N, C-alpha and C. Protein backbone atom coordinates (compact mmCIF):
# COMPACT_ATOMS: atom_id res chain seq x y z
N MET A 1 134.44 -24.41 -45.90
CA MET A 1 134.09 -25.12 -46.93
C MET A 1 135.16 -25.63 -48.08
N SER A 2 135.42 -26.43 -48.46
CA SER A 2 136.21 -27.07 -48.76
C SER A 2 135.25 -26.74 -50.66
N GLU A 3 136.03 -27.12 -51.73
CA GLU A 3 135.57 -26.80 -52.72
C GLU A 3 134.89 -28.50 -53.13
N ALA A 4 135.39 -29.33 -52.74
CA ALA A 4 134.73 -30.58 -52.85
C ALA A 4 133.60 -30.52 -51.98
N GLU A 5 133.30 -30.39 -50.62
CA GLU A 5 132.39 -30.03 -49.95
C GLU A 5 131.20 -29.35 -50.37
N ARG A 6 131.51 -28.45 -51.57
CA ARG A 6 130.76 -27.42 -52.04
C ARG A 6 130.24 -28.36 -52.80
N MET A 7 130.83 -28.87 -53.81
CA MET A 7 130.07 -29.80 -54.92
C MET A 7 129.55 -31.00 -54.39
N VAL A 8 129.62 -31.65 -53.28
CA VAL A 8 128.82 -32.70 -53.20
C VAL A 8 127.62 -32.18 -52.46
N GLU A 9 127.95 -31.08 -51.98
CA GLU A 9 126.29 -30.60 -51.25
C GLU A 9 125.37 -29.82 -52.44
N ALA A 10 126.20 -29.61 -53.41
CA ALA A 10 125.49 -29.12 -54.87
C ALA A 10 124.19 -30.02 -54.74
N LEU A 11 125.53 -31.34 -55.25
CA LEU A 11 125.08 -32.44 -55.29
C LEU A 11 123.35 -32.68 -55.16
N LEU A 12 124.01 -33.16 -53.74
CA LEU A 12 122.95 -33.67 -52.88
C LEU A 12 121.70 -32.87 -52.62
N PHE A 13 122.12 -31.61 -52.56
CA PHE A 13 120.95 -30.69 -52.75
C PHE A 13 119.72 -30.81 -53.48
N ALA A 14 120.46 -31.15 -54.64
CA ALA A 14 119.82 -30.82 -56.16
C ALA A 14 118.86 -32.43 -56.21
N ALA A 15 119.83 -33.38 -55.66
CA ALA A 15 119.15 -34.99 -55.95
C ALA A 15 117.75 -35.13 -55.46
N ALA A 16 117.16 -35.94 -56.50
CA ALA A 16 115.77 -36.42 -55.93
C ALA A 16 115.59 -37.38 -55.43
N GLU A 17 116.60 -38.38 -55.37
CA GLU A 17 117.19 -39.39 -54.42
C GLU A 17 118.34 -39.39 -53.63
N PRO A 18 118.60 -40.27 -52.66
CA PRO A 18 119.55 -40.49 -52.01
C PRO A 18 120.70 -40.74 -52.93
N LEU A 19 122.37 -40.18 -53.15
CA LEU A 19 123.25 -40.86 -53.99
C LEU A 19 124.67 -41.15 -53.13
N SER A 20 124.74 -42.75 -53.91
CA SER A 20 126.16 -43.25 -53.22
C SER A 20 127.68 -42.42 -53.87
N VAL A 21 128.22 -43.28 -53.37
CA VAL A 21 129.75 -42.44 -53.30
C VAL A 21 130.14 -42.45 -54.64
N LYS A 22 129.92 -43.72 -55.00
CA LYS A 22 130.23 -43.94 -56.48
C LYS A 22 129.23 -43.05 -57.64
N ASP A 23 128.01 -42.72 -57.12
CA ASP A 23 127.32 -41.59 -57.68
C ASP A 23 128.04 -40.12 -58.07
N LEU A 24 128.44 -39.95 -56.81
CA LEU A 24 129.17 -38.57 -56.43
C LEU A 24 130.52 -38.52 -56.92
N ALA A 25 131.16 -39.83 -57.18
CA ALA A 25 132.77 -39.76 -57.95
C ALA A 25 132.12 -39.42 -59.71
N ASP A 26 131.23 -40.04 -59.79
CA ASP A 26 130.70 -39.83 -61.18
C ASP A 26 131.10 -38.44 -62.06
N ARG A 27 130.66 -37.14 -61.12
CA ARG A 27 130.59 -36.35 -61.14
C ARG A 27 131.49 -35.58 -60.74
N LEU A 28 132.13 -35.62 -59.55
CA LEU A 28 133.11 -34.81 -59.31
C LEU A 28 134.53 -34.94 -59.66
N PRO A 29 135.32 -34.31 -60.06
CA PRO A 29 136.73 -34.39 -60.49
C PRO A 29 137.68 -35.37 -59.87
N ALA A 30 138.40 -36.28 -60.45
CA ALA A 30 138.94 -37.90 -60.57
C ALA A 30 139.98 -37.46 -58.69
N ASN A 31 139.95 -36.14 -58.91
CA ASN A 31 141.13 -36.10 -57.40
C ASN A 31 140.69 -35.78 -56.28
N ALA A 32 139.62 -35.67 -56.54
CA ALA A 32 138.28 -35.17 -55.27
C ALA A 32 138.01 -35.91 -53.93
N ASP A 33 138.49 -35.71 -52.79
CA ASP A 33 138.25 -36.99 -52.12
C ASP A 33 137.10 -36.40 -51.42
N ILE A 34 135.90 -37.65 -51.95
CA ILE A 34 134.43 -37.62 -51.95
C ILE A 34 134.13 -38.03 -50.14
N LEU A 35 135.30 -38.71 -49.50
CA LEU A 35 134.89 -39.10 -48.09
C LEU A 35 134.95 -37.69 -47.07
N ALA A 36 136.03 -37.22 -47.30
CA ALA A 36 136.55 -36.38 -46.88
C ALA A 36 135.73 -35.26 -46.74
N ALA A 37 134.87 -35.10 -47.87
CA ALA A 37 133.56 -33.85 -48.27
C ALA A 37 132.53 -34.56 -47.66
N ILE A 38 131.96 -35.42 -47.38
CA ILE A 38 130.96 -36.07 -46.58
C ILE A 38 131.21 -36.14 -44.95
N ASP A 39 132.16 -36.13 -44.70
CA ASP A 39 132.57 -36.18 -43.15
C ASP A 39 132.71 -34.54 -42.74
N GLY A 40 132.94 -33.67 -43.53
CA GLY A 40 133.14 -32.32 -43.42
C GLY A 40 131.96 -31.88 -43.21
N LEU A 41 130.51 -32.27 -44.19
CA LEU A 41 129.45 -31.56 -44.53
C LEU A 41 128.48 -32.47 -43.21
N LYS A 42 128.59 -33.52 -42.80
CA LYS A 42 128.08 -33.96 -41.71
C LYS A 42 128.60 -33.35 -40.53
N GLU A 43 129.48 -32.80 -40.07
CA GLU A 43 130.61 -31.85 -39.04
C GLU A 43 129.33 -30.73 -39.29
N ALA A 44 129.24 -30.26 -40.44
CA ALA A 44 128.64 -28.56 -40.73
C ALA A 44 127.72 -28.56 -40.35
N TYR A 45 126.91 -29.78 -40.78
CA TYR A 45 125.38 -29.88 -40.51
C TYR A 45 124.90 -30.29 -39.59
N THR A 46 125.79 -30.91 -38.69
CA THR A 46 125.28 -31.29 -37.04
C THR A 46 124.32 -30.19 -36.32
N GLY A 47 123.23 -30.63 -35.69
CA GLY A 47 122.77 -29.46 -35.13
C GLY A 47 122.03 -28.55 -35.47
N ARG A 48 121.69 -28.48 -36.80
CA ARG A 48 120.88 -27.63 -38.10
C ARG A 48 119.72 -28.42 -38.10
N GLY A 49 118.90 -27.53 -38.88
CA GLY A 49 117.44 -28.30 -39.51
C GLY A 49 117.67 -28.78 -40.07
N VAL A 50 118.88 -29.29 -40.80
CA VAL A 50 118.43 -29.84 -41.88
C VAL A 50 120.20 -31.03 -41.86
N GLU A 51 119.97 -32.56 -42.36
CA GLU A 51 121.05 -32.92 -41.31
C GLU A 51 121.45 -34.14 -42.68
N LEU A 52 122.90 -34.34 -42.92
CA LEU A 52 123.09 -35.25 -43.69
C LEU A 52 123.31 -36.81 -43.39
N VAL A 53 122.66 -37.46 -43.68
CA VAL A 53 122.44 -38.76 -43.18
C VAL A 53 122.59 -39.66 -44.54
N GLU A 54 123.28 -41.38 -43.83
CA GLU A 54 123.28 -42.02 -44.81
C GLU A 54 121.67 -42.94 -44.71
N VAL A 55 121.90 -43.74 -45.69
CA VAL A 55 120.13 -44.57 -46.33
C VAL A 55 120.46 -45.63 -46.99
N ALA A 56 121.00 -46.89 -46.84
CA ALA A 56 121.03 -47.78 -47.48
C ALA A 56 122.18 -47.47 -48.42
N GLY A 57 123.21 -47.25 -47.43
CA GLY A 57 124.50 -46.57 -47.84
C GLY A 57 124.75 -45.61 -48.99
N ARG A 58 123.03 -45.40 -49.03
CA ARG A 58 123.41 -43.40 -49.84
C ARG A 58 123.67 -42.39 -49.38
N TRP A 59 123.30 -41.41 -49.62
CA TRP A 59 123.46 -40.23 -48.67
C TRP A 59 122.66 -38.77 -49.27
N ARG A 60 121.99 -38.56 -48.01
CA ARG A 60 120.89 -37.38 -48.53
C ARG A 60 121.12 -36.29 -47.66
N PHE A 61 120.44 -35.46 -47.42
CA PHE A 61 119.80 -34.14 -46.47
C PHE A 61 118.33 -34.97 -46.22
N GLN A 62 118.26 -34.55 -45.11
CA GLN A 62 116.88 -35.06 -44.17
C GLN A 62 116.78 -33.90 -43.45
N THR A 63 115.31 -33.63 -43.10
CA THR A 63 114.85 -32.71 -41.88
C THR A 63 115.52 -33.46 -40.50
N ALA A 64 115.74 -32.29 -39.81
CA ALA A 64 116.37 -32.96 -38.28
C ALA A 64 115.49 -34.09 -37.87
N ALA A 65 115.57 -34.94 -37.19
CA ALA A 65 114.61 -36.54 -36.45
C ALA A 65 113.59 -35.23 -35.70
N ASP A 66 114.21 -34.24 -34.95
CA ASP A 66 113.91 -33.64 -33.63
C ASP A 66 112.53 -32.51 -34.30
N LEU A 67 112.57 -32.23 -35.64
CA LEU A 67 112.08 -31.04 -36.28
C LEU A 67 111.16 -32.09 -37.30
N ALA A 68 110.65 -32.89 -37.14
CA ALA A 68 109.94 -33.11 -38.07
C ALA A 68 108.52 -33.76 -37.80
N PHE A 69 108.08 -32.88 -36.92
CA PHE A 69 106.75 -32.61 -36.24
C PHE A 69 106.56 -31.59 -37.10
N LEU A 70 107.54 -30.87 -37.95
CA LEU A 70 107.19 -29.35 -38.22
C LEU A 70 106.38 -29.66 -39.89
N MET A 71 107.33 -30.75 -40.07
CA MET A 71 106.31 -31.22 -41.63
C MET A 71 105.31 -31.79 -42.35
N THR A 72 104.34 -32.28 -40.16
CA THR A 72 103.59 -32.79 -40.59
C THR A 72 102.52 -32.18 -40.77
N LEU A 73 101.18 -32.29 -41.44
CA LEU A 73 100.16 -31.35 -41.95
C LEU A 73 98.67 -32.20 -41.97
N GLU A 74 98.14 -31.97 -41.07
CA GLU A 74 97.21 -32.82 -40.64
C GLU A 74 95.64 -31.82 -41.30
N ARG A 75 94.92 -32.70 -42.31
CA ARG A 75 93.88 -32.36 -43.05
C ARG A 75 92.75 -33.01 -43.16
N GLU A 76 91.62 -32.52 -43.34
CA GLU A 76 90.93 -33.67 -43.58
C GLU A 76 90.37 -34.07 -45.23
N GLU A 77 90.49 -35.15 -45.60
CA GLU A 77 90.30 -35.36 -47.34
C GLU A 77 89.03 -35.53 -47.40
N PRO A 78 88.45 -34.99 -48.51
CA PRO A 78 86.93 -35.22 -48.91
C PRO A 78 86.80 -36.56 -49.30
N ARG A 79 85.80 -37.15 -48.98
CA ARG A 79 85.51 -38.88 -48.95
C ARG A 79 84.89 -38.55 -50.35
N LYS A 80 85.21 -39.27 -51.04
CA LYS A 80 84.61 -39.12 -53.03
C LYS A 80 83.34 -40.33 -53.00
N LEU A 81 82.84 -39.77 -53.34
CA LEU A 81 80.91 -40.27 -53.24
C LEU A 81 81.28 -41.43 -54.55
N SER A 82 81.07 -42.94 -54.53
CA SER A 82 80.90 -43.42 -56.23
C SER A 82 79.72 -43.29 -56.74
N LYS A 83 79.86 -43.76 -57.65
CA LYS A 83 78.59 -43.36 -58.96
C LYS A 83 77.35 -43.58 -58.18
N ALA A 84 77.03 -45.16 -57.82
CA ALA A 84 76.07 -45.42 -57.23
C ALA A 84 75.83 -44.42 -55.87
N ALA A 85 76.50 -43.91 -55.06
CA ALA A 85 76.28 -42.86 -53.97
C ALA A 85 75.62 -41.64 -54.36
N GLN A 86 76.12 -41.56 -55.72
CA GLN A 86 76.05 -39.85 -55.94
C GLN A 86 74.44 -39.78 -56.43
N GLU A 87 74.24 -41.51 -57.76
CA GLU A 87 72.84 -41.52 -58.52
C GLU A 87 72.00 -41.24 -56.98
N THR A 88 72.15 -42.37 -55.92
CA THR A 88 71.39 -42.81 -54.54
C THR A 88 71.31 -41.18 -54.12
N LEU A 89 72.20 -40.46 -53.81
CA LEU A 89 71.95 -38.99 -53.27
C LEU A 89 70.86 -38.26 -54.70
N ALA A 90 71.49 -38.23 -55.38
CA ALA A 90 70.45 -37.26 -56.76
C ALA A 90 69.08 -37.83 -56.30
N ILE A 91 68.99 -39.17 -56.25
CA ILE A 91 67.50 -39.55 -56.03
C ILE A 91 66.83 -38.89 -54.78
N VAL A 92 67.29 -39.40 -53.93
CA VAL A 92 67.03 -38.71 -52.32
C VAL A 92 66.59 -37.00 -52.45
N ALA A 93 67.63 -36.26 -52.94
CA ALA A 93 67.89 -34.93 -53.07
C ALA A 93 66.34 -34.80 -53.78
N TYR A 94 65.98 -35.14 -54.68
CA TYR A 94 64.69 -34.36 -55.85
C TYR A 94 63.83 -35.29 -55.19
N HIS A 95 63.50 -36.79 -55.24
CA HIS A 95 61.99 -37.31 -54.69
C HIS A 95 62.31 -37.25 -53.26
N GLN A 96 62.78 -36.78 -52.20
CA GLN A 96 62.53 -37.10 -50.71
C GLN A 96 60.88 -36.46 -50.50
N PRO A 97 60.18 -37.13 -49.60
CA PRO A 97 61.05 -38.33 -49.20
C PRO A 97 60.49 -39.56 -49.58
N VAL A 98 61.33 -40.15 -49.97
CA VAL A 98 61.82 -41.29 -51.22
C VAL A 98 61.92 -42.49 -49.63
N THR A 99 61.84 -43.67 -50.46
CA THR A 99 62.11 -45.22 -49.37
C THR A 99 63.50 -45.92 -50.23
N ARG A 100 63.66 -46.72 -49.66
CA ARG A 100 64.59 -47.61 -50.22
C ARG A 100 64.10 -48.26 -51.31
N ALA A 101 62.98 -49.36 -51.55
CA ALA A 101 62.35 -49.25 -52.41
C ALA A 101 61.96 -48.53 -53.78
N GLU A 102 61.68 -47.54 -53.52
CA GLU A 102 61.12 -46.31 -54.47
C GLU A 102 62.88 -45.73 -54.72
N ILE A 103 63.95 -45.65 -54.42
CA ILE A 103 65.04 -45.47 -54.56
C ILE A 103 65.68 -46.55 -55.81
N GLU A 104 65.26 -47.64 -55.24
CA GLU A 104 65.61 -48.62 -56.60
C GLU A 104 65.05 -48.92 -57.40
N ALA A 105 63.64 -48.90 -57.79
CA ALA A 105 63.07 -48.84 -58.77
C ALA A 105 63.05 -47.92 -59.58
N ILE A 106 63.43 -46.15 -58.97
CA ILE A 106 64.04 -45.23 -59.92
C ILE A 106 65.36 -45.54 -60.56
N ARG A 107 66.30 -46.15 -59.70
CA ARG A 107 67.59 -46.52 -60.18
C ARG A 107 67.36 -47.90 -61.23
N GLY A 108 66.78 -49.23 -61.12
CA GLY A 108 66.74 -49.91 -61.37
C GLY A 108 67.56 -51.01 -61.41
N VAL A 109 68.11 -50.72 -60.06
CA VAL A 109 68.81 -51.64 -59.12
C VAL A 109 68.58 -51.89 -58.06
N GLN A 110 68.94 -52.79 -57.08
CA GLN A 110 68.59 -53.08 -55.70
C GLN A 110 70.03 -52.23 -55.10
N ALA A 111 69.18 -51.31 -53.92
CA ALA A 111 70.38 -50.27 -53.36
C ALA A 111 71.67 -51.59 -52.86
N SER A 112 72.74 -51.06 -53.08
CA SER A 112 73.94 -51.55 -53.19
C SER A 112 74.50 -51.68 -51.72
N ARG A 113 74.99 -52.87 -51.21
CA ARG A 113 75.51 -52.60 -49.54
C ARG A 113 76.30 -51.46 -49.30
N GLY A 114 75.75 -50.67 -48.52
CA GLY A 114 76.32 -49.58 -47.98
C GLY A 114 76.39 -48.30 -48.62
N THR A 115 75.76 -48.38 -49.55
CA THR A 115 75.54 -47.03 -50.14
C THR A 115 74.44 -46.08 -49.23
N LEU A 116 73.39 -46.21 -49.09
CA LEU A 116 72.70 -45.38 -47.90
C LEU A 116 73.90 -45.61 -46.23
N ASP A 117 74.58 -46.49 -46.40
CA ASP A 117 74.60 -46.06 -44.93
C ASP A 117 76.06 -45.11 -44.85
N THR A 118 76.60 -44.99 -46.12
CA THR A 118 77.69 -44.53 -46.35
C THR A 118 77.01 -42.62 -46.57
N LEU A 119 76.19 -42.82 -47.33
CA LEU A 119 75.55 -40.96 -47.16
C LEU A 119 75.00 -40.77 -46.22
N LEU A 120 74.72 -41.81 -44.98
CA LEU A 120 74.33 -41.19 -43.63
C LEU A 120 75.27 -40.76 -42.95
N GLU A 121 76.44 -41.64 -42.89
CA GLU A 121 77.50 -41.59 -42.12
C GLU A 121 77.96 -39.99 -42.34
N LEU A 122 78.19 -39.57 -43.66
CA LEU A 122 78.52 -38.64 -44.20
C LEU A 122 77.72 -37.42 -44.18
N ASP A 123 76.35 -37.84 -43.34
CA ASP A 123 75.38 -36.90 -42.92
C ASP A 123 74.84 -35.82 -43.76
N LEU A 124 74.65 -36.54 -45.15
CA LEU A 124 74.35 -35.77 -46.20
C LEU A 124 72.66 -36.40 -46.40
N VAL A 125 72.37 -37.41 -45.74
CA VAL A 125 71.32 -37.93 -46.07
C VAL A 125 70.76 -38.54 -44.80
N LYS A 126 69.46 -38.14 -44.10
CA LYS A 126 68.85 -38.68 -42.95
C LYS A 126 67.65 -39.55 -43.03
N MET A 127 67.26 -40.47 -41.79
CA MET A 127 65.97 -40.80 -41.84
C MET A 127 64.98 -40.30 -40.95
N ARG A 128 63.86 -39.38 -42.61
CA ARG A 128 62.81 -38.77 -41.72
C ARG A 128 61.81 -39.31 -41.34
N GLY A 129 61.03 -40.36 -41.60
CA GLY A 129 60.13 -40.91 -40.68
C GLY A 129 59.83 -42.73 -41.49
N ARG A 130 58.22 -42.58 -41.46
CA ARG A 130 57.78 -43.74 -41.76
C ARG A 130 56.74 -43.21 -42.80
N ARG A 131 56.68 -44.50 -43.84
CA ARG A 131 55.67 -43.81 -45.19
C ARG A 131 54.71 -44.53 -44.64
N ARG A 132 53.36 -44.36 -44.48
CA ARG A 132 52.02 -44.43 -44.36
C ARG A 132 51.56 -45.79 -45.06
N THR A 133 52.30 -46.59 -45.25
CA THR A 133 51.80 -47.56 -46.19
C THR A 133 51.90 -48.99 -45.78
N PRO A 134 51.80 -49.95 -45.64
CA PRO A 134 51.83 -51.46 -45.44
C PRO A 134 53.30 -51.64 -45.25
N GLY A 135 53.56 -52.06 -43.88
CA GLY A 135 55.15 -52.21 -43.62
C GLY A 135 55.69 -51.16 -42.99
N ARG A 136 54.76 -49.98 -43.04
CA ARG A 136 55.47 -48.57 -42.87
C ARG A 136 57.24 -48.32 -43.28
N PRO A 137 57.27 -48.22 -43.86
CA PRO A 137 58.59 -48.62 -44.69
C PRO A 137 59.85 -46.97 -44.16
N VAL A 138 60.77 -47.00 -43.78
CA VAL A 138 61.73 -45.53 -43.54
C VAL A 138 61.77 -44.60 -44.73
N THR A 139 61.80 -43.37 -44.41
CA THR A 139 61.95 -42.49 -45.68
C THR A 139 63.19 -42.04 -45.58
N PHE A 140 63.54 -41.50 -46.74
CA PHE A 140 64.92 -40.79 -46.54
C PHE A 140 64.91 -39.44 -47.07
N GLY A 141 65.70 -38.59 -46.68
CA GLY A 141 65.52 -37.09 -47.20
C GLY A 141 67.24 -36.61 -46.86
N THR A 142 66.93 -35.64 -47.71
CA THR A 142 68.75 -34.42 -47.13
C THR A 142 68.79 -33.83 -45.85
N THR A 143 70.24 -33.57 -45.61
CA THR A 143 70.08 -32.79 -44.39
C THR A 143 70.48 -31.28 -44.55
N ASP A 144 70.87 -30.31 -43.32
CA ASP A 144 71.28 -28.85 -43.87
C ASP A 144 72.63 -29.56 -44.00
N ALA A 145 73.76 -30.41 -43.89
CA ALA A 145 74.79 -30.05 -44.11
C ALA A 145 74.93 -30.89 -45.88
N PHE A 146 73.56 -31.34 -46.44
CA PHE A 146 74.01 -31.49 -47.67
C PHE A 146 73.61 -29.88 -48.27
N LEU A 147 73.17 -29.20 -47.95
CA LEU A 147 72.92 -28.10 -48.80
C LEU A 147 73.94 -26.84 -48.41
N GLU A 148 74.18 -26.96 -47.14
CA GLU A 148 75.45 -26.67 -46.84
C GLU A 148 77.44 -27.02 -47.96
N HIS A 149 77.00 -27.99 -48.03
CA HIS A 149 78.31 -29.03 -48.68
C HIS A 149 77.77 -28.48 -50.38
N TYR A 150 76.70 -28.17 -50.59
CA TYR A 150 76.61 -27.57 -52.21
C TYR A 150 76.13 -26.59 -52.20
N GLY A 151 76.54 -25.42 -51.32
CA GLY A 151 76.46 -24.32 -51.32
C GLY A 151 74.87 -23.85 -52.00
N LEU A 152 73.82 -24.67 -51.39
CA LEU A 152 72.43 -24.20 -51.55
C LEU A 152 71.78 -23.76 -50.14
N ALA A 153 70.88 -22.54 -50.63
CA ALA A 153 70.01 -21.95 -49.65
C ALA A 153 68.73 -22.80 -48.98
N SER A 154 68.00 -23.25 -50.07
CA SER A 154 67.08 -24.40 -49.70
C SER A 154 67.18 -25.42 -50.76
N LEU A 155 66.08 -26.33 -50.73
CA LEU A 155 65.95 -27.41 -51.84
C LEU A 155 65.28 -26.72 -52.88
N GLY A 156 64.85 -25.54 -52.73
CA GLY A 156 64.00 -25.20 -54.05
C GLY A 156 65.36 -24.59 -54.78
N ASP A 157 66.74 -24.54 -54.48
CA ASP A 157 67.77 -24.40 -55.38
C ASP A 157 68.37 -25.33 -56.11
N LEU A 158 67.69 -26.57 -56.13
CA LEU A 158 68.66 -27.68 -56.63
C LEU A 158 68.26 -27.24 -58.09
N PRO A 159 69.16 -27.60 -58.74
CA PRO A 159 69.28 -27.76 -60.39
C PRO A 159 67.87 -27.72 -61.20
N GLY A 160 67.39 -27.06 -62.10
CA GLY A 160 65.78 -27.69 -62.86
C GLY A 160 66.71 -28.40 -64.00
N ALA A 161 65.23 -28.67 -64.78
CA ALA A 161 65.94 -29.50 -65.70
C ALA A 161 66.96 -28.63 -67.06
N ALA A 162 66.16 -27.47 -67.27
CA ALA A 162 66.86 -26.52 -68.09
C ALA A 162 68.35 -26.09 -67.86
N GLU A 163 68.46 -26.35 -66.73
CA GLU A 163 70.19 -26.26 -65.98
C GLU A 163 71.27 -27.47 -65.93
N MET A 164 70.63 -28.34 -66.18
CA MET A 164 70.83 -29.92 -65.83
C MET A 164 71.19 -30.01 -67.43
N ARG A 165 70.11 -29.66 -68.19
CA ARG A 165 70.57 -29.67 -69.81
C ARG A 165 71.73 -28.89 -70.28
N GLN A 166 71.61 -27.93 -69.52
CA GLN A 166 73.00 -26.90 -70.15
C GLN A 166 74.15 -27.98 -69.76
N LEU A 167 74.13 -28.27 -68.95
CA LEU A 167 75.63 -28.90 -67.74
C LEU A 167 75.87 -30.36 -68.17
N GLY A 168 74.94 -30.75 -69.25
CA GLY A 168 75.21 -31.68 -69.98
C GLY A 168 74.80 -33.25 -69.21
N LEU A 169 74.13 -33.05 -68.06
CA LEU A 169 73.34 -33.87 -67.39
C LEU A 169 71.90 -34.75 -67.41
N LEU A 170 71.69 -34.12 -68.42
CA LEU A 170 70.20 -34.35 -69.20
C LEU A 170 70.42 -34.65 -70.51
N ASP A 171 69.46 -35.36 -71.39
CA ASP A 171 70.06 -35.55 -72.81
C ASP A 171 68.83 -33.94 -73.38
N ALA A 172 69.23 -33.65 -74.39
CA ALA A 172 69.28 -32.25 -74.90
C ALA A 172 67.93 -32.37 -75.06
N GLU A 173 67.33 -33.36 -75.97
CA GLU A 173 66.13 -33.94 -76.48
C GLU A 173 65.39 -34.74 -75.44
N LEU A 174 64.54 -34.17 -74.41
CA LEU A 174 63.67 -34.85 -73.84
C LEU A 174 62.15 -34.85 -73.88
N PRO A 175 61.43 -36.20 -73.45
CA PRO A 175 60.39 -36.16 -73.39
C PRO A 175 59.61 -34.86 -73.42
N PRO A 176 58.56 -34.60 -74.01
CA PRO A 176 57.27 -33.62 -73.92
C PRO A 176 56.82 -33.57 -72.42
N GLY A 177 56.88 -32.76 -71.91
CA GLY A 177 56.23 -32.45 -70.38
C GLY A 177 57.19 -33.34 -69.65
N PHE A 178 58.32 -33.54 -69.51
CA PHE A 178 59.07 -34.15 -68.49
C PHE A 178 59.60 -32.86 -67.40
N ALA A 179 59.99 -33.01 -66.80
CA ALA A 179 59.61 -32.19 -65.45
C ALA A 179 60.69 -32.98 -64.23
N LEU A 180 61.37 -32.36 -63.50
CA LEU A 180 62.22 -32.85 -62.46
C LEU A 180 61.52 -32.65 -60.97
N PRO A 181 61.43 -33.46 -60.23
CA PRO A 181 60.32 -33.63 -58.87
C PRO A 181 61.13 -32.18 -58.08
N ASP A 182 60.07 -31.33 -57.80
CA ASP A 182 60.35 -30.32 -56.75
C ASP A 182 60.07 -30.88 -55.79
N PRO A 183 61.44 -31.14 -54.55
CA PRO A 183 61.18 -31.64 -53.31
C PRO A 183 60.92 -30.73 -52.49
N SER A 184 60.93 -29.50 -52.84
CA SER A 184 60.32 -27.88 -51.95
C SER A 184 58.86 -28.39 -51.84
N ARG A 185 57.99 -28.93 -52.92
CA ARG A 185 56.83 -29.12 -52.92
C ARG A 185 55.85 -30.81 -52.47
N ALA A 186 57.39 -30.94 -51.29
CA ALA A 186 57.00 -32.26 -51.31
C ALA A 186 55.98 -33.09 -50.60
N ASP A 187 55.08 -33.83 -50.87
CA ASP A 187 53.88 -34.14 -50.06
C ASP A 187 54.48 -34.83 -48.92
N THR A 188 54.14 -34.10 -47.86
CA THR A 188 54.81 -34.67 -46.19
C THR A 188 53.80 -35.55 -45.62
N ASP A 189 52.63 -35.54 -45.91
CA ASP A 189 51.13 -35.75 -45.34
C ASP A 189 51.32 -37.42 -45.54
N ALA A 190 52.20 -38.17 -46.05
CA ALA A 190 52.50 -39.32 -46.70
C ALA A 190 52.75 -40.18 -45.73
N GLU A 191 53.88 -39.62 -44.54
CA GLU A 191 54.24 -40.07 -43.87
C GLU A 191 54.25 -39.51 -42.30
N ASP A 192 54.75 -40.46 -41.35
CA ASP A 192 54.76 -40.36 -39.96
C ASP A 192 56.17 -39.86 -39.52
N PRO A 193 56.50 -38.98 -38.86
CA PRO A 193 57.91 -38.89 -38.30
C PRO A 193 58.24 -39.69 -37.63
N LEU A 194 59.32 -39.46 -37.18
CA LEU A 194 60.45 -41.40 -36.34
C LEU A 194 59.88 -40.74 -35.09
N GLU A 195 59.34 -41.36 -33.77
CA GLU A 195 59.30 -41.68 -32.64
C GLU A 195 60.46 -40.81 -32.17
N PRO A 196 60.12 -39.93 -30.83
CA PRO A 196 61.40 -39.48 -30.34
C PRO A 196 62.30 -40.79 -29.70
N GLY A 197 63.67 -40.75 -30.02
CA GLY A 197 64.50 -41.84 -29.97
C GLY A 197 64.58 -42.94 -30.76
N GLU A 198 64.00 -43.37 -31.66
CA GLU A 198 63.70 -44.18 -32.86
C GLU A 198 64.58 -44.18 -33.71
N ASN A 199 65.65 -44.66 -33.69
CA ASN A 199 66.53 -44.88 -34.79
C ASN A 199 66.78 -46.49 -35.60
N PRO A 200 65.96 -46.50 -36.17
CA PRO A 200 65.62 -47.66 -37.24
C PRO A 200 67.22 -48.02 -37.92
N GLU A 201 67.58 -48.73 -37.85
CA GLU A 201 69.08 -49.74 -38.30
C GLU A 201 68.42 -49.49 -39.84
N PHE A 202 69.74 -49.50 -41.04
CA PHE A 202 69.24 -49.64 -42.63
C PHE A 202 69.74 -51.18 -42.38
N HIS A 203 68.65 -52.24 -42.68
CA HIS A 203 68.78 -53.29 -42.72
C HIS A 203 69.92 -53.52 -44.09
N ARG A 204 71.08 -54.61 -44.15
CA ARG A 204 71.93 -54.94 -45.36
C ARG A 204 71.73 -56.01 -45.47
N ASP A 205 71.18 -57.05 -44.64
CA ASP A 205 71.53 -58.78 -45.07
C ASP A 205 71.01 -58.74 -46.48
N PHE A 206 69.91 -58.61 -46.50
CA PHE A 206 69.74 -59.55 -47.99
C PHE A 206 69.57 -58.38 -49.00
N LEU A 207 70.69 -57.21 -48.61
CA LEU A 207 70.80 -56.49 -50.40
C LEU A 207 72.04 -57.08 -50.85
N GLU A 208 71.86 -56.89 -52.21
CA GLU A 208 72.94 -57.40 -53.16
C GLU A 208 73.32 -56.32 -53.58
N GLU A 209 74.81 -56.39 -54.15
CA GLU A 209 75.95 -55.41 -54.82
C GLU A 209 75.08 -54.97 -55.81
N ASP A 210 75.71 -53.97 -56.05
CA ASP A 210 75.13 -53.25 -57.78
C ASP A 210 75.81 -53.99 -58.46
N THR A 211 75.16 -53.88 -59.47
CA THR A 211 76.06 -54.77 -61.13
C THR A 211 76.05 -53.84 -62.31
């Protein structure tokens, strides 16, 4: 390998983006035969794992096309919950079994379009049953996947008021007698389980987006 080839190789290897012949000429000695050096490198790298290729009039080293599959990495990207979804999930976790209307009452806004749908799709929330009240609204609760995701052995391991205050999630000065609901002691007598095969849809036509 000639000295010019070595210098071109070093520049292209270290470059963050493809380099043109002019870019190379600005750094190499005036008498360097850059085109000959490029031709020499192309031949030297032919058939190797890395090749010298021209892209839009510039030169760069890249993985050989037939080995591109080695650079592909498949992984699951965790889906980030919106603030509305996080608030809804927290309400479901602590107040279950809870209806959509109760979620809205606690949050102070109408359920956003798709918020509960997202939690259902992620298997963090499930439809538990129907409340024994007029209209028999569907009740929601958390799933085993919710416990696994947050590393909880049971719902009784959800953070209490003291823990949430230490984490800065609750005001340090809470009203006297304030206590977080304990979902492990939820009154399940007020709801009926869903009938076998029943899969009620979460109707969204009349819901407004959160403001």
